[in-house]
Structures are given as C-alpha cells and as structure tokens.
C-alpha atoms as a PDB file:
ATOM      1  CA  MET A   1      -2.461  38.061  28.640  1.00  0.00           C
ATOM      2  CA  SER A   2       0.660  36.215  29.795  1.00  0.00           C
ATOM      3  CA  GLN A   3       4.109  37.293  28.933  1.00  0.00           C
ATOM      4  CA  GLU A   4       4.583  34.074  26.969  1.00  0.00           C
ATOM      5  CA  HIS A   5       1.570  34.851  24.752  1.00  0.00           C
ATOM      6  CA  HIS A   6       2.530  38.496  24.435  1.00  0.00           C
ATOM      7  CA  MET A   7       5.995  37.628  23.097  1.00  0.00           C
ATOM      8  CA  SER A   8       4.554  34.982  20.685  1.00  0.00           C
ATOM      9  CA  THR A   9       2.173  37.617  19.353  1.00  0.00           C
ATOM     10  CA  GLU A  10       4.896  40.084  19.000  1.00  0.00           C
ATOM     11  CA  ILE A  11       7.093  37.692  17.039  1.00  0.00           C
ATOM     12  CA  GLU A  12       4.150  36.938  14.768  1.00  0.00           C
ATOM     13  CA  GLN A  13       3.593  40.585  14.074  1.00  0.00           C
ATOM     14  CA  ARG A  14       7.252  41.155  13.188  1.00  0.00           C
ATOM     15  CA  THR A  15       7.062  38.019  10.954  1.00  0.00           C
ATOM     16  CA  ARG A  16       4.184  39.509   9.026  1.00  0.00           C
ATOM     17  CA  THR A  17       6.064  42.764   8.537  1.00  0.00           C
ATOM     18  CA  ILE A  18       9.197  40.964   7.321  1.00  0.00           C
ATOM     19  CA  LEU A  19       7.115  38.848   4.910  1.00  0.00           C
ATOM     20  CA  GLN A  20       5.536  42.017   3.411  1.00  0.00           C
ATOM     21  CA  SER A  21       8.949  43.623   3.072  1.00  0.00           C
ATOM     22  CA  ALA A  22      10.370  40.514   1.328  1.00  0.00           C
ATOM     23  CA  GLN A  23       7.357  40.417  -1.047  1.00  0.00           C
ATOM     24  CA  ALA A  24       7.714  44.138  -1.874  1.00  0.00           C
ATOM     25  CA  LEU A  25      11.477  44.085  -2.324  1.00  0.00           C
ATOM     26  CA  VAL A  26      12.830  44.515  -5.853  1.00  0.00           C
ATOM     27  CA  ILE A  27      16.628  44.242  -6.398  1.00  0.00           C
ATOM     28  CA  VAL A  28      17.769  46.697  -9.010  1.00  0.00           C
ATOM     29  CA  ASP A  29      21.144  47.975  -7.785  1.00  0.00           C
ATOM     30  CA  GLN A  30      23.766  47.677  -5.065  1.00  0.00           C
ATOM     31  CA  ALA A  31      21.623  49.502  -2.442  1.00  0.00           C
ATOM     32  CA  THR A  32      18.643  47.248  -2.933  1.00  0.00           C
ATOM     33  CA  TYR A  33      20.977  44.242  -3.117  1.00  0.00           C
ATOM     34  CA  ASP A  34      22.502  45.235   0.249  1.00  0.00           C
ATOM     35  CA  ALA A  35      18.954  45.792   1.631  1.00  0.00           C
ATOM     36  CA  ALA A  36      17.953  42.277   0.527  1.00  0.00           C
ATOM     37  CA  VAL A  37      20.975  40.825   2.289  1.00  0.00           C
ATOM     38  CA  ALA A  38      20.180  42.745   5.437  1.00  0.00           C
ATOM     39  CA  LEU A  39      16.632  41.599   5.265  1.00  0.00           C
ATOM     40  CA  GLY A  40      17.751  38.004   4.781  1.00  0.00           C
ATOM     41  CA  ARG A  41      19.949  38.370   7.902  1.00  0.00           C
ATOM     42  CA  ALA A  42      17.098  39.858   9.852  1.00  0.00           C
ATOM     43  CA  ILE A  43      14.934  36.893   8.872  1.00  0.00           C
ATOM     44  CA  LYS A  44      17.646  34.472  10.146  1.00  0.00           C
ATOM     45  CA  ASP A  45      17.761  36.349  13.447  1.00  0.00           C
ATOM     46  CA  LEU A  46      13.908  36.285  13.855  1.00  0.00           C
ATOM     47  CA  ARG A  47      13.833  32.556  13.027  1.00  0.00           C
ATOM     48  CA  ALA A  48      16.460  31.862  15.665  1.00  0.00           C
ATOM     49  CA  GLU A  49      14.460  34.046  18.133  1.00  0.00           C
ATOM     50  CA  ALA A  50      11.268  32.096  17.333  1.00  0.00           C
ATOM     51  CA  GLU A  51      13.125  28.858  17.689  1.00  0.00           C
ATOM     52  CA  ALA A  52      14.420  29.798  21.179  1.00  0.00           C
ATOM     53  CA  HIS A  53      11.025  30.913  22.208  1.00  0.00           C
ATOM     54  CA  HIS A  54       8.827  27.990  20.966  1.00  0.00           C
ATOM     55  CA  ARG A  55      11.346  25.006  21.037  1.00  0.00           C
ATOM     56  CA  PRO A  56      10.963  24.303  24.818  1.00  0.00           C
ATOM     57  CA  VAL A  57       7.160  24.228  24.414  1.00  0.00           C
ATOM     58  CA  ILE A  58       7.507  21.947  21.392  1.00  0.00           C
ATOM     59  CA  GLN A  59       9.924  19.670  23.179  1.00  0.00           C
ATOM     60  CA  ALA A  60       7.649  19.343  26.217  1.00  0.00           C
ATOM     61  CA  ALA A  61       4.710  18.521  23.980  1.00  0.00           C
ATOM     62  CA  LEU A  62       6.740  15.975  22.037  1.00  0.00           C
ATOM     63  CA  GLU A  63       7.917  14.369  25.235  1.00  0.00           C
ATOM     64  CA  ALA A  64       4.413  14.150  26.599  1.00  0.00           C
ATOM     65  CA  HIS A  65       3.260  12.659  23.278  1.00  0.00           C
ATOM     66  CA  ARG A  66       6.099  10.141  23.325  1.00  0.00           C
ATOM     67  CA  ARG A  67       5.210   8.933  26.827  1.00  0.00           C
ATOM     68  CA  ALA A  68       1.576   8.678  25.935  1.00  0.00           C
ATOM     69  CA  LEU A  69       2.427   6.577  22.883  1.00  0.00           C
ATOM     70  CA  GLU A  70       4.695   4.301  24.908  1.00  0.00           C
ATOM     71  CA  ALA A  71       1.942   3.779  27.443  1.00  0.00           C
ATOM     72  CA  PHE A  72      -0.536   2.960  24.695  1.00  0.00           C
ATOM     73  CA  ARG A  73       1.900   0.610  22.863  1.00  0.00           C
ATOM     74  CA  ARG A  74       2.561  -1.383  26.043  1.00  0.00           C
ATOM     75  CA  ILE A  75      -1.242  -2.230  26.003  1.00  0.00           C
ATOM     76  CA  ASP A  76      -2.009  -2.218  22.279  1.00  0.00           C
ATOM     77  CA  GLU A  77       0.992  -4.262  20.956  1.00  0.00           C
ATOM     78  CA  PRO A  78       0.338  -7.423  23.079  1.00  0.00           C
ATOM     79  CA  LEU A  79      -3.372  -7.192  22.227  1.00  0.00           C
ATOM     80  CA  ARG A  80      -2.555  -6.773  18.567  1.00  0.00           C
ATOM     81  CA  ALA A  81      -0.285  -9.848  18.664  1.00  0.00           C
ATOM     82  CA  ALA A  82      -2.943 -11.847  20.469  1.00  0.00           C
ATOM     83  CA  GLU A  83      -5.506 -10.796  17.894  1.00  0.00           C
ATOM     84  CA  ALA A  84      -3.219 -11.765  15.003  1.00  0.00           C
ATOM     85  CA  GLU A  85      -2.626 -15.196  16.627  1.00  0.00           C
ATOM     86  CA  ILE A  86      -6.353 -15.818  17.018  1.00  0.00           C
ATOM     87  CA  LYS A  87      -7.073 -14.749  13.482  1.00  0.00           C
ATOM     88  CA  ARG A  88      -4.272 -17.100  12.238  1.00  0.00           C
ATOM     89  CA  ARG A  89      -5.613 -20.037  14.050  1.00  0.00           C
ATOM     90  CA  LEU A  90      -9.182 -19.320  12.902  1.00  0.00           C
ATOM     91  CA  ALA A  91      -8.062 -18.885   9.277  1.00  0.00           C
ATOM     92  CA  ALA A  92      -6.099 -22.186   9.431  1.00  0.00           C
ATOM     93  CA  TRP A  93      -9.062 -24.036  10.924  1.00  0.00           C
ATOM     94  CA  THR A  94     -11.654 -22.662   8.503  1.00  0.00           C
ATOM     95  CA  ALA A  95      -9.229 -23.353   5.595  1.00  0.00           C
ATOM     96  CA  GLU A  96      -9.069 -27.021   6.732  1.00  0.00           C
ATOM     97  CA  GLN A  97     -12.901 -27.164   6.944  1.00  0.00           C
ATOM     98  CA  GLU A  98     -13.166 -25.738   3.465  1.00  0.00           C
ATOM     99  CA  ARG A  99     -10.660 -28.316   2.193  1.00  0.00           C
ATOM    100  CA  LEU A 100     -12.736 -31.103   3.764  1.00  0.00           C
ATOM    101  CA  ARG A 101     -15.965 -29.646   2.310  1.00  0.00           C
ATOM    102  CA  GLN A 102     -14.429 -29.552  -1.182  1.00  0.00           C
ATOM    103  CA  GLU A 103     -13.156 -33.077  -0.802  1.00  0.00           C
ATOM    104  CA  ALA A 104     -16.652 -34.232   0.216  1.00  0.00           C
ATOM    105  CA  GLU A 105     -18.047 -32.444  -2.829  1.00  0.00           C
ATOM    106  CA  ARG A 106     -15.591 -34.096  -5.021  1.00  0.00           C
ATOM    107  CA  ARG A 107     -16.487 -37.526  -3.740  1.00  0.00           C
ATOM    108  CA  ALA A 108     -20.177 -36.739  -4.108  1.00  0.00           C
ATOM    109  CA  ARG A 109     -19.632 -35.575  -7.702  1.00  0.00           C
ATOM    110  CA  GLU A 110     -17.658 -38.725  -8.586  1.00  0.00           C
ATOM    111  CA  GLU A 111     -20.415 -40.825  -7.038  1.00  0.00           C
ATOM    112  CA  ALA A 112     -23.059 -38.982  -9.039  1.00  0.00           C
ATOM    113  CA  GLU A 113     -21.066 -39.426 -12.189  1.00  0.00           C
ATOM    114  CA  ARG A 114     -20.626 -43.133 -11.438  1.00  0.00           C
ATOM    115  CA  ALA A 115     -24.319 -43.539 -10.753  1.00  0.00           C
ATOM    116  CA  ALA A 116     -25.216 -41.596 -13.905  1.00  0.00           C
ATOM    117  CA  ALA A 117     -22.901 -43.839 -16.037  1.00  0.00           C
ATOM    118  CA  GLU A 118     -24.381 -47.028 -14.490  1.00  0.00           C
ATOM    119  CA  ALA A 119     -27.864 -45.741 -15.227  1.00  0.00           C
ATOM    120  CA  LEU A 120     -26.905 -44.941 -18.819  1.00  0.00           C
ATOM    121  CA  GLU A 121     -25.423 -48.353 -19.282  1.00  0.00           C
ATOM    122  CA  VAL A 122     -28.599 -50.084 -18.014  1.00  0.00           C
ATOM    123  CA  GLN A 123     -30.659 -47.831 -20.287  1.00  0.00           C
ATOM    124  CA  LEU A 124     -28.534 -48.654 -23.320  1.00  0.00           C
ATOM    125  CA  GLU A 125     -28.752 -52.354 -22.597  1.00  0.00           C
ATOM    126  CA  GLN A 126     -32.562 -52.130 -22.389  1.00  0.00           C
ATOM    127  CA  MET A 127     -32.724 -50.172 -25.597  1.00  0.00           C
ATOM    128  CA  GLU A 128     -30.500 -52.654 -27.424  1.00  0.00           C
ATOM    129  CA  ALA A 129     -32.579 -55.547 -26.068  1.00  0.00           C
ATOM    130  CA  ALA A 130     -35.698 -53.806 -27.315  1.00  0.00           C
ATOM    131  CA  GLY A 131     -34.138 -53.421 -30.796  1.00  0.00           C
ATOM    132  CA  ALA A 132     -33.859 -49.606 -30.697  1.00  0.00           C
ATOM    133  CA  PRO A 133     -32.266 -48.060 -33.851  1.00  0.00           C
ATOM    134  CA  VAL A 134     -28.590 -47.310 -33.613  1.00  0.00           C
ATOM    135  CA  GLU A 135     -29.150 -43.595 -34.352  1.00  0.00           C
ATOM    136  CA  VAL A 136     -31.575 -43.408 -31.356  1.00  0.00           C
ATOM    137  CA  ILE A 137     -29.104 -45.095 -29.111  1.00  0.00           C
ATOM    138  CA  GLU A 138     -26.287 -42.728 -30.303  1.00  0.00           C
ATOM    139  CA  ALA A 139     -28.527 -39.699 -29.694  1.00  0.00           C
ATOM    140  CA  VAL A 140     -29.188 -40.892 -26.108  1.00  0.00           C
ATOM    141  CA  ILE A 141     -25.391 -41.274 -25.611  1.00  0.00           C
ATOM    142  CA  ARG A 142     -24.750 -37.808 -27.003  1.00  0.00           C
ATOM    143  CA  GLN A 143     -27.382 -36.279 -24.736  1.00  0.00           C
ATOM    144  CA  ALA A 144     -25.958 -38.061 -21.686  1.00  0.00           C
ATOM    145  CA  GLU A 145     -22.430 -36.858 -22.483  1.00  0.00           C
ATOM    146  CA  SER A 146     -23.547 -33.204 -23.009  1.00  0.00           C
ATOM    147  CA  ALA A 147     -25.699 -33.076 -19.820  1.00  0.00           C
ATOM    148  CA  PRO A 148     -23.754 -32.000 -16.774  1.00  0.00           C
ATOM    149  CA  VAL A 149     -23.852 -34.205 -13.746  1.00  0.00           C
ATOM    150  CA  ILE A 150     -25.149 -32.048 -10.888  1.00  0.00           C
ATOM    151  CA  ALA A 151     -23.864 -33.296  -7.506  1.00  0.00           C
ATOM    152  CA  PRO A 152     -25.361 -31.997  -4.241  1.00  0.00           C
ATOM    153  CA  ARG A 153     -23.537 -29.194  -2.615  1.00  0.00           C
ATOM    154  CA  VAL A 154     -21.971 -30.058   0.726  1.00  0.00           C
ATOM    155  CA  ALA A 155     -22.618 -27.485   3.390  1.00  0.00           C
ATOM    156  CA  PRO A 156     -19.788 -26.464   5.892  1.00  0.00           C
ATOM    157  CA  GLN A 157     -19.727 -28.670   8.950  1.00  0.00           C
ATOM    158  CA  TYR A 158     -19.525 -25.759  11.313  1.00  0.00           C
ATOM    159  CA  GLU A 159     -21.608 -22.669  12.027  1.00  0.00           C
ATOM    160  CA  ARG A 160     -19.826 -19.400  11.239  1.00  0.00           C
ATOM    161  CA  ALA A 161     -19.832 -16.926  14.121  1.00  0.00           C
ATOM    162  CA  GLN A 162     -21.712 -13.647  13.577  1.00  0.00           C
ATOM    163  CA  GLY A 163     -19.472 -10.738  12.937  1.00  0.00           C
ATOM    164  CA  LEU A 164     -16.661 -13.037  11.729  1.00  0.00           C
ATOM    165  CA  ALA A 165     -15.881 -12.708   8.001  1.00  0.00           C
ATOM    166  CA  ALA A 166     -13.417 -14.772   6.040  1.00  0.00           C
ATOM    167  CA  ARG A 167     -11.879 -13.205   2.969  1.00  0.00           C
ATOM    168  CA  LYS A 168      -9.012 -13.839   0.572  1.00  0.00           C
ATOM    169  CA  THR A 169      -6.457 -11.162  -0.085  1.00  0.00           C
ATOM    170  CA  TYR A 170      -4.085 -11.165  -2.943  1.00  0.00           C
ATOM    171  CA  ARG A 171      -0.683  -9.455  -3.339  1.00  0.00           C
ATOM    172  CA  ALA A 172       2.022  -9.609  -5.885  1.00  0.00           C
ATOM    173  CA  GLN A 173       5.643 -10.562  -5.209  1.00  0.00           C
ATOM    174  CA  VAL A 174       8.496  -9.770  -7.546  1.00  0.00           C
ATOM    175  CA  VAL A 175      10.734 -12.825  -7.834  1.00  0.00           C
ATOM    176  CA  SER A 176      12.992 -11.514 -10.618  1.00  0.00           C
ATOM    177  CA  MET A 177      13.582  -7.743 -10.788  1.00  0.00           C
ATOM    178  CA  ILE A 178      15.453  -7.996 -14.138  1.00  0.00           C
ATOM    179  CA  GLU A 179      12.465  -9.888 -15.821  1.00  0.00           C
ATOM    180  CA  PHE A 180       9.996  -7.439 -14.216  1.00  0.00           C
ATOM    181  CA  ILE A 181      11.901  -4.437 -15.550  1.00  0.00           C
ATOM    182  CA  ARG A 182      12.061  -5.983 -18.972  1.00  0.00           C
ATOM    183  CA  TRP A 183       8.267  -6.508 -18.889  1.00  0.00           C
ATOM    184  CA  VAL A 184       7.697  -2.882 -17.883  1.00  0.00           C
ATOM    185  CA  ALA A 185      10.019  -1.716 -20.637  1.00  0.00           C
ATOM    186  CA  ALA A 186       7.910  -3.717 -23.099  1.00  0.00           C
ATOM    187  CA  ASN A 187       4.663  -2.373 -21.594  1.00  0.00           C
ATOM    188  CA  PRO A 188       5.388   1.379 -20.955  1.00  0.00           C
ATOM    189  CA  THR A 189       1.776   2.078 -19.905  1.00  0.00           C
ATOM    190  CA  HIS A 190       2.728   0.242 -16.654  1.00  0.00           C
ATOM    191  CA  GLU A 191       5.715   2.492 -15.959  1.00  0.00           C
ATOM    192  CA  SER A 192       4.170   3.642 -12.666  1.00  0.00           C
ATOM    193  CA  LEU A 193       4.822   0.179 -11.249  1.00  0.00           C
ATOM    194  CA  LEU A 194       8.504   1.058 -11.040  1.00  0.00           C
ATOM    195  CA  THR A 195       9.654   3.379  -8.188  1.00  0.00           C
ATOM    196  CA  VAL A 196      12.915   5.309  -8.487  1.00  0.00           C
ATOM    197  CA  ASN A 197      15.284   5.214  -5.462  1.00  0.00           C
ATOM    198  CA  GLN A 198      15.632   9.008  -5.583  1.00  0.00           C
ATOM    199  CA  SER A 199      17.881   9.166  -2.552  1.00  0.00           C
ATOM    200  CA  ALA A 200      20.437   6.799  -4.005  1.00  0.00           C
ATOM    201  CA  LEU A 201      20.218   8.503  -7.406  1.00  0.00           C
ATOM    202  CA  ASN A 202      20.797  11.903  -5.821  1.00  0.00           C
ATOM    203  CA  ALA A 203      23.831  10.512  -3.945  1.00  0.00           C
ATOM    204  CA  LEU A 204      25.282   9.417  -7.287  1.00  0.00           C
ATOM    205  CA  ALA A 205      24.618  12.873  -8.699  1.00  0.00           C
ATOM    206  CA  ARG A 206      26.368  14.549  -5.690  1.00  0.00           C
ATOM    207  CA  ALA A 207      29.340  12.205  -6.116  1.00  0.00           C
ATOM    208  CA  GLN A 208      29.720  12.424  -9.891  1.00  0.00           C
ATOM    209  CA  ARG A 209      28.154  15.777 -10.566  1.00  0.00           C
ATOM    210  CA  GLU A 210      28.126  16.643 -14.327  1.00  0.00           C
ATOM    211  CA  ASN A 211      30.002  13.332 -15.005  1.00  0.00           C
ATOM    212  CA  LEU A 212      26.975  11.193 -14.127  1.00  0.00           C
ATOM    213  CA  ARG A 213      26.091   9.189 -17.207  1.00  0.00           C
ATOM    214  CA  ILE A 214      22.988   6.958 -16.787  1.00  0.00           C
ATOM    215  CA  PRO A 215      20.596   6.406 -19.726  1.00  0.00           C
ATOM    216  CA  GLY A 216      17.303   8.082 -18.976  1.00  0.00           C
ATOM    217  CA  VAL A 217      18.770  10.274 -16.200  1.00  0.00           C
ATOM    218  CA  ARG A 218      19.956  13.874 -16.465  1.00  0.00           C
ATOM    219  CA  VAL A 219      21.808  15.931 -13.809  1.00  0.00           C
ATOM    220  CA  VAL A 220      19.922  18.913 -12.543  1.00  0.00           C
ATOM    221  CA  VAL A 221      22.031  21.761 -11.005  1.00  0.00           C
ATOM    222  CA  GLU A 222      20.269  24.132  -8.657  1.00  0.00           C
ATOM    223  CA  GLU A 223      21.955  27.139  -7.139  1.00  0.00           C
ATOM    224  CA  SER A 224      20.980  28.444  -3.707  1.00  0.00           C
ATOM    225  CA  ILE A 225      22.059  31.297  -1.508  1.00  0.00           C
ATOM    226  CA  SER A 226      23.278  30.837   2.047  1.00  0.00           C
ATOM    227  CA  ILE A 227      22.748  33.755   4.419  1.00  0.00           C
ATOM    228  CA  THR A 228      24.565  33.975   7.716  1.00  0.00           C
ATOM    229  CA  ARG A 229      23.211  35.851  10.803  1.00  0.00           C
ATOM    230  CA  ARG A 230      24.584  39.251  11.758  1.00  0.00           C
ATOM    231  CA  ARG A 231      27.574  39.121  13.998  1.00  0.00           C
ATOM    232  CA  GLN A 232      26.488  39.800  17.526  1.00  0.00           C
END
C-alpha cells in the first residue's frame, strides 16, 4: 500500500469517526455547546487537510481532462460545422424540390378542375339538347359540385438517399413578454411556462432585505453559523 493511499484511508477513517460524533452529539448545556464548537473546528481542520491532500491529484486530473477536451474540440468542432453546412444545403435543396412538386400538383389540380368543368359543360349541353328535365340537370350539377376533383399526385423529382431523413421541427418564440405574462396570468394552469430569475431576485432580497416589496414574493431569512479553524 502506497503512502498516498494509506493517508487517504486514514483521513476517511477519521471522517467516519467525526460524522458519528456529530450525529450523536446533543447540545444541552454550556459543556456540550463548547464540545460542538470544538467538533466543528475539528471538522474544518480535517476538511482543510483533505483538501491539501487531494487537491493536487484533482487538479492534475482536471488539467488532463481539459487537454483531452481541447484536442477533441479541435477535431470535432470543424467537423460539426461542416456537417451543419451540409445539412443546411441539403435542407434548402429538398425544400425547393418540395416547393416545385407542390407547384406541379397545383397546376395538375387546376388542369383537372378545368377539364372536369369542360366535361360538365358538354354534358349539360347534351342533356339540354335532349330535352332533359330541369330537376335532372340541377341534380347533375349538384353532384358535380359535391364530387371532389382528384388530381394525380406528383412524385418528387429526385431519389432520396438511404439513411437521410428530412423532418420539420417546431419551436416557440416569445415576441412580447408582457402579452405572454398576461396570457399565463389568465391561464394559471400554464404557470410552469414562466421561469423565475432566482439569482436576480435573491440579489434584490440581499440589497433590500425585509424592505423588499414585490407582489407574490416574500423574503426568507435563514440564519447560519460560521465556524473558524483552531488557531495554529
């Protein structure tokens, strides 16, 4: 067992002992109060000792981790940028192809509607020439108006590569915070959509203390004890 490992194990053992002492301690008088203060200072001392022992190892590991991340980023970030650029260009091109396909479908639908209207007009002229009753002619017109015109679907004019999927993503953007807050206030079931800037709110509480007056906000005062180490 190395001296480094032995020292770490010894600190861990002392830590468990101190934890058990803290959990068992009950303050009932001046003597137990003084014992609690002494134990608190012993804890501060042991924490400082553990810090001095482990911090160099931690710093070395952090430095090695930092260097490894930097080496990885030098490779990954340019590749990520290249991938994003390729995806952007592919998305733009496929979006244009979809626009052209929809335009072709629109023209095909308009052509089908025009052909159906011309065919109905010829049919009505023939029925009138044959002396068909008015109610029969009107029924034919109603049927033609209610029947949808089915235009042929236009297939994309390119072959999608295998393993390449196009998808639409949606996100919300708040364009007026005041209007959004008013809507949430009117719909409290969506209160979770609002996030409190707790850091800024705490800063106001520290600055104004008990004088902070904001509707819906209360000041919480928490007392804590500060223990200094024993004088060396």
